[in-house]
Amino acid sequence: MNFQSLVYFKTVAELQHYTKAASTLFITQPALSKAIHNLEVELGVTLFQKEGRNVTLTPSGAVFYEYVKRAVDEINNGMKAVQHRADVERNIIFVSALFSNYTEFLPEKIAQFRKMNPTYRFRIEYKYTSIIVNDVLQGNSELGLCSNLSHDDPALCSLDRRVIHKEPVGLIVGKNHPFAHRSSVSVEDLRDERFIVYIRSFRGTNQMLYDLCSPYGFEPNIAMEAYNDYGVLNSVASGDGIAIIPTTRFLERPDVVRIPLDLKEPLMRDLTLIWRKNEKLPPAAAAFRDMLISTAQ
C-alpha cells in the first residue's frame, strides 16, 4: 500500500465511476482497476460494488474511506505547508487582496517596497473579503487586503488589522436600465431593484449594501451572486440587476453606467490590512506590513 493507491481509492470513491476517476487521475482505466484490485487483495476485503454504470463503496469500503480521506488531506496539507515554508525562506511574500487593488493601489505599493528590497518577491491572489479573511486565518497568506470588517466580526479574535486606505464605492447599472440616464438615485429608489452581490460573503461591500438599505426599512433583493468584480460587472451589463461596487478606474466599461447616490457623505469602503494575531510574521512579510502602515493615507 502506498500514497498513490490511497489517492486512487479516494478518487474512485468520490466520483463513483472508474472511467471518470481514471480521466481525473490521468491514468488508464485498466491501470486504475488493477491498483484498486491490489488494494483489495492487501486488505482482504471488497471495497466497491457495482450499481449500473457506477460503483459505490461497500460497508468495508465506507469505513476505509473515512480514514483514507483524513490521511490524504493531511498529507496534502503537510506538503503545502512545507512548500509554503520553503517559499517564505526564499523571501516570497504571500498576499490575498481585493480585485479592485489590481491596477492602482497595490502595484504602486509593491514597486515602492521593492526599490528598498529588490530581492523580495510576491505571490498575490485576488479574491473577495470573506475568502481573504479565511486565507489569512488558515495561513495560506501572511497578509490580507480586504474591505470593511465590523467590530463584532468573530474573525477579529484571531486577527490584527489596520485601515490603510479608502476606496470610493458607488451604484452601477446597465446602459439600458431606467436609472442609466438619471443624474442621481436615492436609496429609497433601490427598494424594488434586483442586486448582484459577491458570492457567500457577509462582509465587505455586501455588508455595506445591507447597511445602506437598513435605515430605509428594507433589505436588498438579491438576484445573483458573483465571485468577483468582473462577474458582478458582467451580470449588471447583461441586465440581470444593479450593484454597489468600488468605482475604481479599472472597473469602468462602456456598457455599465455609474450613477451617484443621494447621500450626505460619499460612500467609501475601508481597505483593511489584516494579519494573524499573536504570531510573528516572516521578516519579508513584516517589512511589507510595516511599510503599508507607515505610508497609509
Protein backbone atom coordinates (compact mmCIF):
# COMPACT_ATOMS: atom_id res chain seq x y z
CA MET A 1 0.00 0.00 0.00
CA ASN A 2 1.34 3.43 -0.93
CA PHE A 3 0.11 7.01 -1.00
CA GLN A 4 -0.72 6.84 -4.71
CA SER A 5 -3.02 3.86 -4.27
CA LEU A 6 -4.85 5.71 -1.48
CA VAL A 7 -5.36 8.70 -3.78
CA TYR A 8 -6.70 6.34 -6.45
CA PHE A 9 -9.14 4.78 -3.97
CA LYS A 10 -10.30 8.18 -2.68
CA THR A 11 -10.93 9.46 -6.20
CA VAL A 12 -12.99 6.43 -7.26
CA ALA A 13 -14.97 6.62 -4.03
CA GLU A 14 -15.84 10.27 -4.60
CA LEU A 15 -16.58 10.08 -8.34
CA GLN A 16 -18.24 6.63 -8.14
CA HIS A 17 -17.05 5.88 -11.66
CA TYR A 18 -13.83 4.20 -12.85
CA THR A 19 -13.67 5.97 -16.22
CA LYS A 20 -14.20 9.43 -14.73
CA ALA A 21 -11.71 8.70 -11.96
CA ALA A 22 -9.10 7.48 -14.44
CA SER A 23 -9.55 10.63 -16.52
CA THR A 24 -9.18 12.81 -13.43
CA LEU A 25 -6.04 10.95 -12.37
CA PHE A 26 -4.56 10.92 -15.92
CA ILE A 27 -4.12 7.14 -15.97
CA THR A 28 -5.76 4.36 -17.96
CA GLN A 29 -8.82 2.62 -16.60
CA PRO A 30 -7.15 -0.82 -16.58
CA ALA A 31 -4.27 0.60 -14.53
CA LEU A 32 -6.71 2.11 -12.07
CA SER A 33 -8.74 -1.10 -11.81
CA LYS A 34 -5.56 -3.09 -11.15
CA ALA A 35 -4.47 -0.66 -8.42
CA ILE A 36 -7.84 -0.96 -6.66
CA HIS A 37 -7.77 -4.76 -7.02
CA ASN A 38 -4.28 -4.90 -5.46
CA LEU A 39 -5.52 -2.75 -2.59
CA GLU A 40 -8.48 -5.06 -2.02
CA VAL A 41 -6.19 -8.10 -2.03
CA GLU A 42 -3.88 -6.44 0.51
CA LEU A 43 -6.78 -5.53 2.79
CA GLY A 44 -8.64 -8.81 2.27
CA VAL A 45 -11.97 -7.07 1.61
CA THR A 46 -14.03 -5.81 -1.32
CA LEU A 47 -14.06 -2.02 -1.40
CA PHE A 48 -16.51 -1.31 -4.23
CA GLN A 49 -19.70 -2.82 -5.61
CA LYS A 50 -21.30 -2.14 -9.00
CA GLU A 51 -24.54 -0.20 -9.32
CA GLY A 52 -25.37 0.09 -13.00
CA ARG A 53 -22.55 2.00 -14.66
CA ASN A 54 -21.37 3.40 -11.35
CA VAL A 55 -19.64 1.91 -8.35
CA THR A 56 -20.38 2.53 -4.68
CA LEU A 57 -18.50 1.75 -1.52
CA THR A 58 -19.16 -1.49 0.31
CA PRO A 59 -19.60 -1.24 4.10
CA SER A 60 -15.89 -2.05 4.49
CA GLY A 61 -15.02 0.46 1.81
CA ALA A 62 -17.05 3.17 3.55
CA VAL A 63 -15.14 2.61 6.79
CA PHE A 64 -11.81 2.66 4.96
CA TYR A 65 -12.76 5.84 3.05
CA GLU A 66 -13.19 7.92 6.22
CA TYR A 67 -9.61 7.13 7.29
CA VAL A 68 -8.14 7.50 3.82
CA LYS A 69 -9.78 10.89 3.29
CA ARG A 70 -8.30 12.25 6.51
CA ALA A 71 -4.89 10.77 5.76
CA VAL A 72 -4.71 12.06 2.18
CA ASP A 73 -5.96 15.51 3.19
CA GLU A 74 -3.41 15.73 6.00
CA ILE A 75 -0.54 14.65 3.76
CA ASN A 76 -1.57 17.18 1.11
CA ASN A 77 -1.79 19.89 3.78
CA GLY A 78 1.63 18.86 5.03
CA MET A 79 3.15 19.13 1.55
CA LYS A 80 1.58 22.57 1.11
CA ALA A 81 2.96 23.67 4.48
CA VAL A 82 6.47 22.52 3.59
CA GLN A 83 6.29 24.22 0.18
CA HIS A 84 4.97 27.39 1.81
CA ARG A 85 7.82 27.33 4.34
CA ALA A 86 10.36 26.95 1.55
CA ASP A 87 8.84 29.89 -0.30
CA VAL A 88 8.98 32.03 2.85
CA GLU A 89 12.68 31.21 3.21
CA ARG A 90 13.12 32.45 -0.38
CA ASN A 91 11.62 35.81 0.69
CA ILE A 92 8.30 35.30 -1.08
CA ILE A 93 5.50 37.37 0.47
CA PHE A 94 2.02 35.83 0.26
CA VAL A 95 -0.82 38.35 -0.05
CA SER A 96 -4.55 37.93 -0.65
CA ALA A 97 -6.11 41.15 -1.92
CA LEU A 98 -9.29 42.64 -3.34
CA PHE A 99 -9.70 42.71 -7.11
CA SER A 100 -10.01 46.50 -7.01
CA ASN A 101 -6.37 46.68 -5.82
CA TYR A 102 -5.20 45.07 -9.06
CA THR A 103 -4.30 48.12 -11.13
CA GLU A 104 -3.87 51.02 -8.75
CA PHE A 105 -3.12 50.76 -5.05
CA LEU A 106 -1.22 47.51 -4.64
CA PRO A 107 1.14 47.66 -7.67
CA GLU A 108 2.26 51.13 -6.58
CA LYS A 109 2.98 49.93 -3.03
CA ILE A 110 4.86 46.86 -4.27
CA ALA A 111 7.01 48.97 -6.60
CA GLN A 112 7.79 51.32 -3.71
CA PHE A 113 8.68 48.41 -1.44
CA ARG A 114 10.89 46.64 -3.99
CA LYS A 115 13.00 49.74 -4.51
CA MET A 116 14.16 49.23 -0.94
CA ASN A 117 14.03 45.40 -1.02
CA PRO A 118 14.87 44.22 -4.55
CA THR A 119 15.35 40.56 -3.57
CA TYR A 120 11.84 40.15 -2.16
CA ARG A 121 9.13 38.60 -4.33
CA PHE A 122 5.34 38.49 -4.11
CA ARG A 123 2.69 35.86 -4.66
CA ILE A 124 -0.68 37.61 -4.85
CA GLU A 125 -4.17 36.18 -5.22
CA TYR A 126 -7.12 38.48 -5.86
CA LYS A 127 -10.34 37.49 -4.09
CA TYR A 128 -13.25 38.92 -2.09
CA THR A 129 -13.24 39.82 1.60
CA SER A 130 -14.56 36.61 3.19
CA ILE A 131 -12.07 34.44 1.28
CA ILE A 132 -9.22 36.85 2.06
CA VAL A 133 -10.03 36.57 5.77
CA ASN A 134 -10.07 32.76 5.52
CA ASP A 135 -6.74 32.74 3.65
CA VAL A 136 -5.06 34.68 6.45
CA LEU A 137 -6.69 32.68 9.24
CA GLN A 138 -5.66 29.38 7.61
CA GLY A 139 -2.10 30.52 6.93
CA ASN A 140 -2.38 30.50 3.14
CA SER A 141 -1.41 34.18 3.11
CA GLU A 142 0.62 36.18 5.61
CA LEU A 143 -1.20 39.39 4.77
CA GLY A 144 -4.67 40.25 3.53
CA LEU A 145 -6.03 43.43 1.99
CA CYS A 146 -9.80 43.30 2.43
CA SER A 147 -12.82 45.54 2.81
CA ASN A 148 -14.70 46.66 5.93
CA LEU A 149 -14.84 44.32 8.92
CA SER A 150 -17.47 45.03 11.55
CA HIS A 151 -16.36 45.40 15.17
CA ASP A 152 -18.26 42.25 16.18
CA ASP A 153 -16.82 40.08 13.39
CA PRO A 154 -15.71 36.81 15.08
CA ALA A 155 -12.61 36.67 12.87
CA LEU A 156 -11.18 39.67 14.74
CA CYS A 157 -10.49 37.44 17.74
CA SER A 158 -7.67 35.94 15.68
CA LEU A 159 -6.65 38.90 13.52
CA ASP A 160 -4.87 42.21 13.86
CA ARG A 161 -5.93 44.91 11.42
CA ARG A 162 -5.18 48.43 10.28
CA VAL A 163 -7.13 50.60 7.85
CA ILE A 164 -4.57 51.86 5.33
CA HIS A 165 -6.64 53.34 2.51
CA LYS A 166 -10.20 54.21 1.45
CA GLU A 167 -11.88 53.44 -1.85
CA PRO A 168 -14.97 55.10 -3.36
CA VAL A 169 -17.99 52.81 -3.73
CA GLY A 170 -20.95 53.55 -5.96
CA LEU A 171 -24.01 52.32 -7.78
CA ILE A 172 -23.67 50.80 -11.25
CA VAL A 173 -26.43 49.87 -13.70
CA GLY A 174 -26.59 48.53 -17.24
CA LYS A 175 -26.74 51.09 -20.05
CA ASN A 176 -30.36 50.12 -20.79
CA HIS A 177 -31.53 50.31 -17.18
CA PRO A 178 -34.15 53.02 -16.36
CA PHE A 179 -31.63 54.64 -13.99
CA ALA A 180 -28.98 54.94 -16.71
CA HIS A 181 -29.94 58.49 -17.75
CA ARG A 182 -30.65 59.87 -14.29
CA SER A 183 -28.33 62.36 -12.63
CA SER A 184 -28.69 60.65 -9.23
CA VAL A 185 -30.67 57.98 -7.38
CA SER A 186 -31.95 57.90 -3.79
CA VAL A 187 -31.62 54.85 -1.57
CA GLU A 188 -35.42 54.62 -1.49
CA ASP A 189 -35.35 54.20 -5.28
CA LEU A 190 -33.42 50.94 -4.75
CA ARG A 191 -36.20 49.23 -2.77
CA ASP A 192 -37.61 47.20 -5.67
CA GLU A 193 -34.37 46.68 -7.59
CA ARG A 194 -32.57 43.37 -8.09
CA PHE A 195 -28.97 43.33 -6.84
CA ILE A 196 -25.86 41.45 -7.90
CA VAL A 197 -23.59 40.75 -4.92
CA TYR A 198 -20.44 38.78 -4.10
CA ILE A 199 -20.97 35.09 -3.51
CA ARG A 200 -21.26 33.72 0.05
CA SER A 201 -19.97 36.88 1.70
CA PHE A 202 -21.48 38.75 4.64
CA ARG A 203 -18.55 41.11 4.94
CA GLY A 204 -17.11 44.00 2.97
CA THR A 205 -19.18 45.54 0.18
CA ASN A 206 -22.08 43.13 0.71
CA GLN A 207 -22.38 44.31 4.31
CA MET A 208 -22.18 47.93 3.14
CA LEU A 209 -25.18 47.31 0.87
CA TYR A 210 -27.26 45.93 3.74
CA ASP A 211 -26.19 48.80 6.00
CA LEU A 212 -27.17 51.26 3.26
CA CYS A 213 -30.70 49.84 2.91
CA SER A 214 -31.43 49.09 6.57
CA PRO A 215 -32.27 52.67 7.73
CA TYR A 216 -34.89 52.82 4.97
CA GLY A 217 -36.66 49.72 6.25
CA PHE A 218 -35.80 47.17 3.57
CA GLU A 219 -33.22 44.57 2.65
CA PRO A 220 -31.74 44.36 -0.85
CA ASN A 221 -33.37 41.89 -3.21
CA ILE A 222 -30.51 39.59 -4.20
CA ALA A 223 -30.90 38.32 -7.75
CA MET A 224 -27.49 36.77 -8.29
CA GLU A 225 -24.11 36.15 -6.65
CA ALA A 226 -20.80 36.56 -8.47
CA TYR A 227 -17.30 35.50 -7.45
CA ASN A 228 -15.52 38.78 -8.24
CA ASP A 229 -15.87 42.30 -9.59
CA TYR A 230 -15.75 41.09 -13.18
CA GLY A 231 -18.63 38.69 -12.55
CA VAL A 232 -20.65 41.47 -10.96
CA LEU A 233 -19.92 43.78 -13.90
CA ASN A 234 -20.91 41.16 -16.48
CA SER A 235 -24.19 40.46 -14.73
CA VAL A 236 -25.01 44.17 -14.46
CA ALA A 237 -24.12 44.73 -18.12
CA SER A 238 -26.43 41.85 -19.10
CA GLY A 239 -29.34 43.46 -17.28
CA ASP A 240 -29.59 40.87 -14.51
CA GLY A 241 -29.53 43.54 -11.82
CA ILE A 242 -27.68 46.51 -10.37
CA ALA A 243 -24.78 46.58 -7.92
CA ILE A 244 -22.81 48.53 -5.35
CA ILE A 245 -19.11 48.09 -6.11
CA PRO A 246 -15.83 50.04 -5.95
CA THR A 247 -15.77 52.75 -8.58
CA THR A 248 -12.07 52.42 -9.38
CA ARG A 249 -10.80 53.14 -12.87
CA PHE A 250 -10.17 49.56 -13.98
CA LEU A 251 -13.82 48.63 -13.42
CA GLU A 252 -15.10 51.15 -15.95
CA ARG A 253 -16.66 49.80 -19.16
CA PRO A 254 -18.97 51.27 -21.84
CA ASP A 255 -21.97 49.02 -21.19
CA VAL A 256 -22.17 49.90 -17.48
CA VAL A 257 -23.15 53.32 -16.10
CA ARG A 258 -22.14 54.73 -12.73
CA ILE A 259 -24.98 56.68 -11.04
CA PRO A 260 -24.38 58.95 -8.00
CA LEU A 261 -26.37 58.15 -4.86
CA ASP A 262 -28.18 60.91 -2.97
CA LEU A 263 -26.20 60.70 0.26
CA LYS A 264 -24.87 63.31 2.68
CA GLU A 265 -21.42 61.73 2.53
CA PRO A 266 -19.89 59.80 -0.38
CA LEU A 267 -19.96 56.04 0.07
CA MET A 268 -16.44 54.81 0.88
CA ARG A 269 -15.06 51.46 1.94
CA ASP A 270 -12.01 50.81 4.08
CA LEU A 271 -9.04 48.98 2.65
CA THR A 272 -8.04 46.98 5.70
CA LEU A 273 -4.69 45.26 6.16
CA ILE A 274 -5.01 42.07 8.24
CA TRP A 275 -2.58 39.51 9.66
CA ARG A 276 -2.77 36.76 12.27
CA LYS A 277 -2.80 37.95 15.86
CA ASN A 278 -0.04 36.91 18.28
CA GLU A 279 2.04 35.31 15.51
CA LYS A 280 5.41 36.56 14.33
CA LEU A 281 5.36 37.29 10.63
CA PRO A 282 8.27 36.20 8.41
CA PRO A 283 10.74 39.12 8.05
CA ALA A 284 9.78 39.89 4.45
CA ALA A 285 6.03 39.98 5.19
CA ALA A 286 6.60 42.00 8.37
CA ALA A 287 8.66 44.57 6.44
CA PHE A 288 5.93 44.96 3.81
CA ARG A 289 3.22 45.26 6.50
CA ASP A 290 5.22 47.97 8.29
CA MET A 291 5.71 49.91 5.05
CA LEU A 292 1.99 49.76 4.23
CA ILE A 293 1.11 51.05 7.69
CA SER A 294 3.75 53.80 7.67
CA THR A 295 2.58 55.10 4.28
CA ALA A 296 -1.15 54.78 5.00
CA GLN A 297 -3.24 57.66 3.71
